[in-house]
N, C-alpha and C. Protein backbone atom coordinates (compact mmCIF):
# COMPACT_ATOMS: atom_id res chain seq x y z
N UNK A 1 -1.47 15.77 -26.35
CA UNK A 1 -0.68 15.10 -27.47
C UNK A 1 0.42 14.25 -26.88
N UNK A 2 0.92 13.22 -27.49
CA UNK A 2 1.96 12.34 -27.02
C UNK A 2 2.98 12.05 -28.06
N UNK A 3 4.04 11.72 -27.61
CA UNK A 3 5.17 11.34 -28.71
C UNK A 3 5.16 10.01 -29.14
N UNK A 4 5.36 9.90 -30.58
CA UNK A 4 5.09 8.61 -31.16
C UNK A 4 6.58 7.97 -31.40
N UNK A 5 6.70 6.60 -30.98
CA UNK A 5 7.66 5.92 -31.03
C UNK A 5 7.99 5.25 -32.56
N UNK A 6 8.90 5.94 -33.55
CA UNK A 6 8.94 5.63 -34.66
C UNK A 6 10.34 4.65 -34.84
N UNK A 7 10.86 4.35 -33.66
CA UNK A 7 12.20 3.57 -33.89
C UNK A 7 11.96 2.06 -34.43
N UNK A 8 10.77 1.69 -34.54
CA UNK A 8 10.54 0.41 -35.07
C UNK A 8 10.51 0.28 -36.75
N UNK A 9 10.39 1.53 -37.36
CA UNK A 9 10.38 1.83 -38.75
C UNK A 9 11.86 1.49 -39.18
N UNK A 10 11.91 0.76 -40.20
CA UNK A 10 13.24 0.39 -40.88
C UNK A 10 13.44 1.76 -41.89
N UNK A 11 14.74 1.87 -42.15
CA UNK A 11 15.29 3.03 -42.99
C UNK A 11 14.68 2.83 -44.46
N UNK A 12 14.69 1.50 -44.75
CA UNK A 12 14.14 1.22 -46.16
C UNK A 12 12.69 1.59 -46.26
N UNK A 13 11.96 1.08 -45.31
CA UNK A 13 10.48 1.69 -45.30
C UNK A 13 10.29 3.11 -45.37
N UNK A 14 11.12 3.79 -44.57
CA UNK A 14 10.98 5.41 -44.41
C UNK A 14 11.34 5.93 -45.75
N UNK A 15 12.50 5.34 -46.37
CA UNK A 15 13.00 6.05 -47.64
C UNK A 15 11.91 5.68 -48.96
N UNK A 16 11.32 4.54 -48.88
CA UNK A 16 10.40 3.90 -49.66
C UNK A 16 9.07 4.99 -49.73
N UNK A 17 8.62 5.30 -48.50
CA UNK A 17 7.41 6.07 -48.07
C UNK A 17 7.73 7.45 -48.57
N UNK A 18 8.79 7.95 -48.19
CA UNK A 18 9.27 9.39 -48.60
C UNK A 18 9.11 9.33 -50.31
N UNK A 19 9.75 8.47 -50.88
CA UNK A 19 9.74 8.73 -52.33
C UNK A 19 8.58 8.47 -52.89
N UNK A 20 7.65 7.55 -52.64
CA UNK A 20 6.37 7.43 -53.15
C UNK A 20 5.60 8.65 -52.74
N UNK A 21 5.58 8.98 -51.59
CA UNK A 21 4.70 10.28 -51.20
C UNK A 21 4.96 11.35 -52.19
N UNK A 22 6.46 11.66 -52.46
CA UNK A 22 6.81 12.81 -53.22
C UNK A 22 6.37 12.47 -54.68
N UNK A 23 6.29 11.30 -55.04
CA UNK A 23 5.99 11.06 -56.50
C UNK A 23 4.57 10.99 -56.65
N UNK A 24 3.71 10.51 -55.70
CA UNK A 24 2.20 10.43 -55.82
C UNK A 24 1.63 11.98 -55.91
N UNK A 25 2.17 12.62 -54.75
CA UNK A 25 1.74 14.13 -54.56
C UNK A 25 2.01 15.06 -55.66
N UNK A 26 3.24 14.68 -56.15
CA UNK A 26 4.13 15.59 -57.11
C UNK A 26 3.13 15.44 -58.54
N UNK A 27 2.78 14.21 -58.82
CA UNK A 27 1.96 14.08 -59.97
C UNK A 27 0.46 14.52 -59.84
N UNK A 28 0.00 14.56 -58.66
CA UNK A 28 -1.41 15.04 -58.49
C UNK A 28 -1.27 16.49 -58.61
N UNK A 29 -0.23 17.26 -58.01
CA UNK A 29 -0.11 18.69 -58.23
C UNK A 29 0.10 19.06 -59.51
N UNK A 30 0.96 18.41 -60.28
CA UNK A 30 1.35 18.51 -61.87
C UNK A 30 -0.06 18.34 -62.44
N UNK A 31 -0.75 17.29 -62.28
CA UNK A 31 -1.92 17.36 -62.90
C UNK A 31 -3.11 18.31 -62.76
N UNK A 32 -3.24 18.85 -61.63
CA UNK A 32 -4.00 19.95 -61.26
C UNK A 32 -3.48 21.11 -61.96
N UNK A 33 -2.27 21.41 -62.12
CA UNK A 33 -1.68 22.71 -62.83
C UNK A 33 -1.86 22.52 -64.09
N UNK A 34 -1.59 21.38 -64.81
CA UNK A 34 -1.90 21.31 -66.24
C UNK A 34 -3.57 21.32 -66.72
N UNK A 35 -4.51 20.90 -65.48
CA UNK A 35 -5.82 21.15 -65.95
C UNK A 35 -6.05 22.71 -66.02
N UNK A 36 -5.54 23.41 -65.09
CA UNK A 36 -5.76 24.87 -64.83
C UNK A 36 -5.17 25.64 -66.34
N UNK A 37 -4.20 24.90 -66.80
CA UNK A 37 -3.57 25.56 -68.05
C UNK A 37 -4.22 25.02 -69.37
N UNK A 38 -5.62 24.28 -68.98
CA UNK A 38 -6.20 23.77 -70.30
C UNK A 38 -5.59 22.75 -71.03
N UNK A 39 -4.55 22.05 -70.43
CA UNK A 39 -3.92 20.92 -71.24
C UNK A 39 -4.47 19.55 -70.35
N UNK A 40 -5.73 19.40 -70.74
CA UNK A 40 -6.53 18.21 -70.02
C UNK A 40 -5.64 16.72 -70.46
N UNK A 41 -5.31 16.77 -71.42
CA UNK A 41 -4.79 15.23 -71.76
C UNK A 41 -3.52 14.83 -70.77
N UNK A 42 -2.74 15.96 -70.54
CA UNK A 42 -1.45 15.73 -69.82
C UNK A 42 -1.84 15.67 -68.31
N UNK A 43 -2.94 16.56 -68.03
CA UNK A 43 -3.45 16.39 -66.59
C UNK A 43 -4.03 15.04 -66.38
N UNK A 44 -4.66 14.32 -67.33
CA UNK A 44 -5.34 13.25 -66.91
C UNK A 44 -4.12 12.19 -66.97
N UNK A 45 -3.21 12.21 -67.72
CA UNK A 45 -2.11 11.18 -67.65
C UNK A 45 -1.37 11.35 -66.35
N UNK A 46 -1.41 12.42 -65.74
CA UNK A 46 -0.59 12.72 -64.50
C UNK A 46 -1.52 12.07 -63.48
N UNK A 47 -2.70 12.28 -63.44
CA UNK A 47 -3.64 11.56 -62.61
C UNK A 47 -3.54 10.24 -62.59
N UNK A 48 -3.48 9.72 -63.79
CA UNK A 48 -3.42 8.14 -64.05
C UNK A 48 -2.04 7.80 -63.27
N UNK A 49 -0.92 8.32 -63.65
CA UNK A 49 0.44 8.08 -63.17
C UNK A 49 0.37 8.10 -61.40
N UNK A 50 -0.48 9.01 -61.03
CA UNK A 50 -0.41 8.92 -59.46
C UNK A 50 -1.36 7.73 -58.80
N UNK A 51 -2.41 7.30 -59.69
CA UNK A 51 -3.14 6.28 -59.41
C UNK A 51 -2.13 5.03 -59.52
N UNK A 52 -1.57 4.88 -60.54
CA UNK A 52 -0.52 3.66 -60.71
C UNK A 52 0.54 3.72 -59.73
N UNK A 53 1.11 4.73 -59.32
CA UNK A 53 2.03 4.86 -58.35
C UNK A 53 1.72 4.37 -57.09
N UNK A 54 0.39 4.97 -56.65
CA UNK A 54 -0.24 4.47 -55.51
C UNK A 54 -0.40 2.89 -55.46
N UNK A 55 -0.94 2.53 -56.64
CA UNK A 55 -0.91 1.02 -56.42
C UNK A 55 0.14 0.23 -56.38
N UNK A 56 1.23 0.75 -57.09
CA UNK A 56 2.53 0.11 -57.01
C UNK A 56 2.96 0.19 -55.41
N UNK A 57 3.01 1.34 -54.90
CA UNK A 57 3.23 1.53 -53.42
C UNK A 57 2.50 0.47 -52.59
N UNK A 58 1.33 0.46 -52.74
CA UNK A 58 0.39 -0.54 -51.83
C UNK A 58 0.84 -1.86 -52.07
N UNK A 59 1.12 -2.36 -53.24
CA UNK A 59 1.54 -3.61 -53.62
C UNK A 59 3.01 -4.03 -53.05
N UNK A 60 3.81 -2.92 -52.93
CA UNK A 60 5.12 -3.17 -52.20
C UNK A 60 5.13 -3.28 -50.81
N UNK A 61 4.17 -2.46 -50.25
CA UNK A 61 3.82 -2.55 -48.84
C UNK A 61 3.30 -3.84 -48.42
N UNK A 62 2.38 -4.31 -49.21
CA UNK A 62 1.68 -5.51 -48.83
C UNK A 62 2.63 -6.81 -48.97
N UNK A 63 3.47 -6.70 -50.12
CA UNK A 63 4.27 -7.80 -50.41
C UNK A 63 5.64 -7.98 -49.34
N UNK A 64 6.04 -6.94 -48.90
CA UNK A 64 7.51 -6.83 -48.13
C UNK A 64 7.34 -6.36 -46.91
N UNK A 65 6.42 -5.50 -46.46
CA UNK A 65 6.33 -4.89 -45.17
C UNK A 65 5.36 -5.30 -44.32
N UNK A 66 4.06 -6.09 -44.80
CA UNK A 66 3.05 -6.31 -43.81
C UNK A 66 2.96 -8.04 -43.82
């Protein structure tokens, strides 16, 4: 294993990535929890929200950072 140099990553990109990762995986986890609780409608909305959040994240990355 070697060290990875992350000095080229801007602070705004790092914060944006952290926020969206917490949002996406939080919605996925909440959706799975709701599915186990037999609340399928809310679970599917959470999965849809995670997909929309991922799409918005990819759009922002392609628009401003790549």
